[in-house]
N, C-alpha and C. Protein backbone atom coordinates (compact mmCIF):
# COMPACT_ATOMS: atom_id res chain seq x y z
N GLN A 1 -62.46 27.57 -1.81
CA GLN A 1 -62.68 29.01 -1.82
C GLN A 1 -61.48 29.73 -2.43
N VAL A 2 -61.79 30.77 -3.16
CA VAL A 2 -60.75 31.61 -3.76
C VAL A 2 -61.06 33.06 -3.42
N GLN A 3 -60.06 33.77 -2.99
CA GLN A 3 -60.20 35.20 -2.72
C GLN A 3 -59.63 35.98 -3.91
N VAL A 4 -60.32 37.05 -4.25
CA VAL A 4 -59.95 37.84 -5.42
C VAL A 4 -59.81 39.30 -5.01
N VAL A 5 -58.66 39.88 -5.29
CA VAL A 5 -58.41 41.28 -4.91
C VAL A 5 -57.91 42.04 -6.13
N GLU A 6 -58.62 43.10 -6.46
CA GLU A 6 -58.26 43.94 -7.61
C GLU A 6 -57.60 45.22 -7.13
N SER A 7 -56.82 45.81 -8.02
CA SER A 7 -56.23 47.12 -7.75
C SER A 7 -55.89 47.79 -9.06
N GLY A 8 -55.69 49.12 -9.00
CA GLY A 8 -55.17 49.83 -10.15
C GLY A 8 -56.12 50.74 -10.89
N GLY A 9 -57.36 50.87 -10.46
CA GLY A 9 -58.27 51.76 -11.15
C GLY A 9 -57.92 53.22 -10.89
N GLY A 10 -58.69 54.11 -11.53
CA GLY A 10 -58.46 55.53 -11.33
C GLY A 10 -59.06 56.35 -12.45
N SER A 11 -58.65 57.62 -12.50
CA SER A 11 -59.13 58.54 -13.51
C SER A 11 -57.99 58.92 -14.45
N VAL A 12 -58.30 59.03 -15.72
CA VAL A 12 -57.28 59.33 -16.72
C VAL A 12 -57.93 60.07 -17.87
N GLN A 13 -57.14 60.85 -18.58
CA GLN A 13 -57.65 61.56 -19.75
C GLN A 13 -57.68 60.62 -20.95
N PRO A 14 -58.50 60.94 -21.95
CA PRO A 14 -58.52 60.12 -23.18
C PRO A 14 -57.13 59.99 -23.77
N GLY A 15 -56.81 58.78 -24.20
CA GLY A 15 -55.48 58.49 -24.73
C GLY A 15 -54.49 58.03 -23.68
N GLY A 16 -54.87 58.12 -22.42
CA GLY A 16 -53.99 57.73 -21.33
C GLY A 16 -53.98 56.23 -21.09
N SER A 17 -53.23 55.85 -20.06
CA SER A 17 -53.05 54.43 -19.74
C SER A 17 -53.25 54.17 -18.26
N LEU A 18 -53.70 52.97 -17.97
CA LEU A 18 -53.80 52.45 -16.61
C LEU A 18 -53.45 50.97 -16.65
N ARG A 19 -53.14 50.41 -15.50
CA ARG A 19 -52.89 48.98 -15.40
C ARG A 19 -53.65 48.43 -14.21
N LEU A 20 -54.53 47.47 -14.49
CA LEU A 20 -55.28 46.80 -13.44
C LEU A 20 -54.60 45.49 -13.08
N SER A 21 -54.66 45.16 -11.79
CA SER A 21 -54.12 43.90 -11.31
C SER A 21 -55.20 43.14 -10.56
N CYS A 22 -55.12 41.82 -10.64
CA CYS A 22 -56.06 40.96 -9.92
C CYS A 22 -55.28 39.79 -9.36
N ALA A 23 -55.27 39.69 -8.03
CA ALA A 23 -54.54 38.62 -7.37
C ALA A 23 -55.51 37.62 -6.77
N ALA A 24 -55.27 36.35 -7.04
CA ALA A 24 -56.10 35.28 -6.49
C ALA A 24 -55.32 34.54 -5.42
N SER A 25 -56.03 34.13 -4.38
CA SER A 25 -55.41 33.35 -3.30
C SER A 25 -56.41 32.31 -2.81
N GLY A 26 -55.93 31.38 -2.00
CA GLY A 26 -56.80 30.32 -1.51
C GLY A 26 -56.57 29.05 -2.31
N ASN A 27 -57.64 28.45 -2.79
CA ASN A 27 -57.56 27.20 -3.53
C ASN A 27 -57.17 27.46 -5.00
N ILE A 28 -55.94 27.91 -5.19
CA ILE A 28 -55.50 28.34 -6.51
C ILE A 28 -55.37 27.19 -7.50
N PHE A 29 -55.24 25.99 -7.01
CA PHE A 29 -55.07 24.86 -7.93
C PHE A 29 -56.36 24.51 -8.65
N SER A 30 -57.46 25.09 -8.21
CA SER A 30 -58.75 24.86 -8.88
C SER A 30 -59.02 25.88 -9.98
N ILE A 31 -58.13 26.85 -10.12
CA ILE A 31 -58.37 27.92 -11.10
C ILE A 31 -58.17 27.41 -12.52
N ARG A 32 -59.09 27.78 -13.40
CA ARG A 32 -58.99 27.40 -14.81
C ARG A 32 -58.87 28.64 -15.71
N VAL A 33 -59.60 29.69 -15.40
CA VAL A 33 -59.59 30.89 -16.22
C VAL A 33 -59.66 32.11 -15.31
N MET A 34 -58.95 33.16 -15.68
CA MET A 34 -59.08 34.45 -14.99
C MET A 34 -59.36 35.51 -16.04
N GLY A 35 -60.20 36.46 -15.69
CA GLY A 35 -60.56 37.46 -16.69
C GLY A 35 -61.09 38.74 -16.09
N TRP A 36 -61.34 39.69 -16.98
CA TRP A 36 -61.88 40.99 -16.61
C TRP A 36 -63.20 41.23 -17.31
N TYR A 37 -64.13 41.74 -16.56
CA TYR A 37 -65.42 42.19 -17.08
C TYR A 37 -65.59 43.64 -16.66
N ARG A 38 -66.51 44.32 -17.32
CA ARG A 38 -66.79 45.71 -16.94
C ARG A 38 -68.28 45.99 -17.04
N GLN A 39 -68.70 46.96 -16.25
CA GLN A 39 -70.09 47.38 -16.26
C GLN A 39 -70.16 48.89 -16.20
N ALA A 40 -70.68 49.47 -17.26
CA ALA A 40 -70.88 50.92 -17.31
C ALA A 40 -72.27 51.25 -16.77
N PRO A 41 -72.49 52.49 -16.32
CA PRO A 41 -73.80 52.86 -15.78
C PRO A 41 -74.91 52.59 -16.78
N GLY A 42 -75.94 51.90 -16.32
CA GLY A 42 -77.09 51.62 -17.17
C GLY A 42 -76.90 50.51 -18.18
N LYS A 43 -75.76 49.85 -18.12
CA LYS A 43 -75.48 48.79 -19.09
C LYS A 43 -75.22 47.46 -18.38
N GLN A 44 -75.31 46.39 -19.14
CA GLN A 44 -75.04 45.08 -18.58
C GLN A 44 -73.53 44.85 -18.46
N ARG A 45 -73.17 43.96 -17.57
CA ARG A 45 -71.77 43.59 -17.43
C ARG A 45 -71.32 42.86 -18.70
N GLU A 46 -70.12 43.19 -19.19
CA GLU A 46 -69.64 42.59 -20.42
C GLU A 46 -68.21 42.10 -20.26
N LEU A 47 -67.87 41.10 -21.05
CA LEU A 47 -66.52 40.58 -21.04
C LEU A 47 -65.56 41.59 -21.66
N VAL A 48 -64.40 41.76 -21.02
CA VAL A 48 -63.32 42.56 -21.59
C VAL A 48 -62.25 41.64 -22.15
N ALA A 49 -61.73 40.76 -21.30
CA ALA A 49 -60.68 39.84 -21.74
C ALA A 49 -60.54 38.73 -20.71
N LEU A 50 -60.06 37.57 -21.18
CA LEU A 50 -59.79 36.49 -20.25
C LEU A 50 -58.57 35.71 -20.72
N ILE A 51 -58.00 34.95 -19.78
CA ILE A 51 -56.82 34.15 -20.07
C ILE A 51 -56.93 32.83 -19.33
N THR A 52 -56.66 31.73 -20.03
CA THR A 52 -56.75 30.41 -19.42
C THR A 52 -55.43 30.05 -18.72
N ILE A 53 -55.46 28.96 -18.00
CA ILE A 53 -54.24 28.52 -17.33
C ILE A 53 -53.17 28.11 -18.35
N TYR A 54 -53.57 27.89 -19.58
CA TYR A 54 -52.63 27.53 -20.64
C TYR A 54 -52.12 28.76 -21.38
N GLY A 55 -52.62 29.93 -20.99
CA GLY A 55 -52.16 31.16 -21.60
C GLY A 55 -52.96 31.62 -22.81
N ARG A 56 -54.03 30.91 -23.13
CA ARG A 56 -54.86 31.32 -24.27
C ARG A 56 -55.70 32.52 -23.85
N THR A 57 -55.73 33.53 -24.71
CA THR A 57 -56.46 34.76 -24.39
C THR A 57 -57.64 34.99 -25.32
N THR A 58 -58.62 35.71 -24.81
CA THR A 58 -59.77 36.16 -25.57
C THR A 58 -60.01 37.62 -25.22
N HIS A 59 -60.21 38.45 -26.23
CA HIS A 59 -60.48 39.87 -26.00
C HIS A 59 -61.75 40.27 -26.73
N ALA A 60 -62.52 41.15 -26.11
CA ALA A 60 -63.67 41.73 -26.79
C ALA A 60 -63.18 42.55 -27.98
N ASN A 61 -63.97 42.58 -29.04
CA ASN A 61 -63.56 43.31 -30.24
C ASN A 61 -63.27 44.79 -29.94
N SER A 62 -64.03 45.35 -29.02
CA SER A 62 -63.89 46.78 -28.73
C SER A 62 -62.57 47.14 -28.05
N VAL A 63 -61.86 46.13 -27.52
CA VAL A 63 -60.62 46.43 -26.79
C VAL A 63 -59.39 45.78 -27.41
N LYS A 64 -59.58 45.02 -28.48
CA LYS A 64 -58.44 44.35 -29.10
C LYS A 64 -57.37 45.35 -29.51
N GLY A 65 -56.14 45.03 -29.13
CA GLY A 65 -55.01 45.89 -29.45
C GLY A 65 -54.80 47.03 -28.49
N ARG A 66 -55.74 47.28 -27.60
CA ARG A 66 -55.63 48.38 -26.64
C ARG A 66 -55.53 47.92 -25.20
N LEU A 67 -56.25 46.85 -24.84
CA LEU A 67 -56.31 46.38 -23.46
C LEU A 67 -55.86 44.92 -23.37
N PRO A 68 -54.59 44.66 -23.56
CA PRO A 68 -54.13 43.28 -23.51
C PRO A 68 -54.13 42.71 -22.09
N ILE A 69 -54.50 41.44 -21.98
CA ILE A 69 -54.48 40.75 -20.70
C ILE A 69 -53.22 39.89 -20.63
N SER A 70 -52.65 39.78 -19.44
CA SER A 70 -51.49 38.94 -19.24
C SER A 70 -51.57 38.31 -17.85
N ARG A 71 -50.64 37.38 -17.61
CA ARG A 71 -50.74 36.62 -16.37
C ARG A 71 -49.36 36.31 -15.81
N ASP A 72 -49.23 36.39 -14.50
CA ASP A 72 -48.03 35.95 -13.79
C ASP A 72 -48.44 34.71 -12.99
N ASN A 73 -48.16 33.54 -13.54
CA ASN A 73 -48.61 32.31 -12.90
C ASN A 73 -48.00 32.12 -11.52
N ALA A 74 -46.75 32.54 -11.37
CA ALA A 74 -46.08 32.36 -10.09
C ALA A 74 -46.76 33.14 -8.97
N LYS A 75 -47.41 34.25 -9.35
CA LYS A 75 -48.06 35.11 -8.34
C LYS A 75 -49.58 35.01 -8.41
N ASN A 76 -50.08 34.11 -9.27
CA ASN A 76 -51.54 33.94 -9.41
C ASN A 76 -52.23 35.29 -9.63
N THR A 77 -51.64 36.05 -10.50
CA THR A 77 -52.11 37.41 -10.76
C THR A 77 -52.30 37.63 -12.24
N VAL A 78 -53.37 38.31 -12.60
CA VAL A 78 -53.58 38.72 -13.98
C VAL A 78 -53.57 40.24 -14.05
N PHE A 79 -53.18 40.74 -15.20
CA PHE A 79 -53.07 42.17 -15.41
C PHE A 79 -53.89 42.56 -16.63
N LEU A 80 -54.44 43.75 -16.59
CA LEU A 80 -55.08 44.33 -17.77
C LEU A 80 -54.37 45.65 -18.03
N GLN A 81 -53.54 45.67 -19.05
CA GLN A 81 -52.85 46.89 -19.45
C GLN A 81 -53.80 47.69 -20.32
N MET A 82 -54.16 48.87 -19.88
CA MET A 82 -55.16 49.67 -20.56
C MET A 82 -54.48 50.85 -21.25
N ASN A 83 -54.40 50.78 -22.57
CA ASN A 83 -53.75 51.81 -23.37
C ASN A 83 -54.76 52.52 -24.27
N SER A 84 -54.42 53.70 -24.69
CA SER A 84 -55.28 54.47 -25.61
C SER A 84 -56.73 54.49 -25.12
N LEU A 85 -56.89 54.81 -23.86
CA LEU A 85 -58.21 54.75 -23.26
C LEU A 85 -59.16 55.79 -23.87
N ARG A 86 -60.41 55.39 -23.92
CA ARG A 86 -61.48 56.21 -24.51
C ARG A 86 -62.55 56.46 -23.45
N PRO A 87 -63.33 57.52 -23.62
CA PRO A 87 -64.41 57.76 -22.65
C PRO A 87 -65.36 56.56 -22.52
N GLU A 88 -65.56 55.83 -23.60
CA GLU A 88 -66.46 54.67 -23.54
C GLU A 88 -65.88 53.50 -22.76
N ASP A 89 -64.61 53.59 -22.35
CA ASP A 89 -64.03 52.57 -21.48
C ASP A 89 -64.38 52.81 -20.01
N THR A 90 -65.01 53.94 -19.73
CA THR A 90 -65.41 54.24 -18.36
C THR A 90 -66.38 53.20 -17.84
N ALA A 91 -66.05 52.59 -16.71
CA ALA A 91 -66.87 51.53 -16.13
C ALA A 91 -66.25 51.06 -14.83
N VAL A 92 -66.99 50.22 -14.13
CA VAL A 92 -66.42 49.47 -13.02
C VAL A 92 -65.89 48.16 -13.60
N TYR A 93 -64.64 47.88 -13.34
CA TYR A 93 -64.00 46.68 -13.87
C TYR A 93 -63.92 45.62 -12.77
N TYR A 94 -64.38 44.43 -13.12
CA TYR A 94 -64.43 43.32 -12.18
C TYR A 94 -63.52 42.18 -12.65
N CYS A 95 -62.79 41.63 -11.71
CA CYS A 95 -61.99 40.44 -12.00
C CYS A 95 -62.84 39.21 -11.71
N ASN A 96 -62.78 38.25 -12.60
CA ASN A 96 -63.49 37.00 -12.43
C ASN A 96 -62.51 35.85 -12.45
N VAL A 97 -62.67 34.93 -11.51
CA VAL A 97 -61.84 33.74 -11.45
C VAL A 97 -62.75 32.52 -11.58
N GLU A 98 -62.53 31.78 -12.64
CA GLU A 98 -63.33 30.59 -12.90
C GLU A 98 -62.57 29.37 -12.39
N THR A 99 -63.20 28.62 -11.50
CA THR A 99 -62.55 27.44 -10.92
C THR A 99 -63.39 26.19 -11.19
N THR A 100 -62.86 25.08 -10.81
CA THR A 100 -63.60 23.83 -10.95
C THR A 100 -64.80 23.79 -10.01
N GLY A 101 -64.81 24.68 -9.03
CA GLY A 101 -65.91 24.71 -8.06
C GLY A 101 -66.84 25.89 -8.20
N GLY A 102 -66.65 26.69 -9.23
CA GLY A 102 -67.51 27.84 -9.45
C GLY A 102 -66.72 29.10 -9.73
N ASP A 103 -67.45 30.20 -9.89
CA ASP A 103 -66.84 31.49 -10.21
C ASP A 103 -66.72 32.36 -8.97
N TYR A 104 -65.67 33.16 -8.94
CA TYR A 104 -65.46 34.13 -7.87
C TYR A 104 -65.21 35.49 -8.49
N TRP A 105 -65.75 36.52 -7.83
CA TRP A 105 -65.63 37.89 -8.34
C TRP A 105 -64.91 38.78 -7.34
N GLY A 106 -64.19 39.75 -7.88
CA GLY A 106 -63.62 40.79 -7.05
C GLY A 106 -64.65 41.86 -6.75
N GLN A 107 -64.23 42.84 -5.96
CA GLN A 107 -65.18 43.88 -5.52
C GLN A 107 -65.39 44.95 -6.58
N GLY A 108 -64.55 44.98 -7.58
CA GLY A 108 -64.66 45.97 -8.65
C GLY A 108 -63.77 47.17 -8.40
N THR A 109 -63.28 47.74 -9.49
CA THR A 109 -62.46 48.94 -9.41
C THR A 109 -62.91 49.91 -10.51
N GLN A 110 -63.08 51.18 -10.13
CA GLN A 110 -63.61 52.18 -11.06
C GLN A 110 -62.51 52.69 -11.97
N VAL A 111 -62.84 52.75 -13.26
CA VAL A 111 -61.98 53.38 -14.26
C VAL A 111 -62.81 54.48 -14.92
N THR A 112 -62.28 55.70 -14.87
CA THR A 112 -62.97 56.85 -15.46
C THR A 112 -62.05 57.52 -16.47
N VAL A 113 -62.56 57.68 -17.69
CA VAL A 113 -61.79 58.31 -18.76
C VAL A 113 -62.54 59.57 -19.19
N SER A 114 -61.96 60.72 -18.89
CA SER A 114 -62.62 61.98 -19.23
C SER A 114 -61.59 63.10 -19.26
N LEU A 115 -62.01 64.22 -19.88
CA LEU A 115 -61.12 65.37 -19.97
C LEU A 115 -61.05 66.07 -18.63
């Protein structure tokens, strides 16, 4: 079992920044990939970015260069630095932890970008 706890959401104006954090605990040695997904109202959940235990990253085209993902292996934590935010980034952001025994999700954190 792996526990996943997210933090850092909120409201910001267009062009602003936020930083999301996701901490994993429990059977951390089974973790292979950690990542962020988001779901906007009326839309399907989509990948934002992910990072493997080897540090390889993948970003959705819509967020490349703006929402870089990073990882602190010592703290089993991943971060999503959200820069130059746009109204279309508004969504609930979910942390996903992929392990050898299955996937685990966080509870989600709301990010709202508006004037």
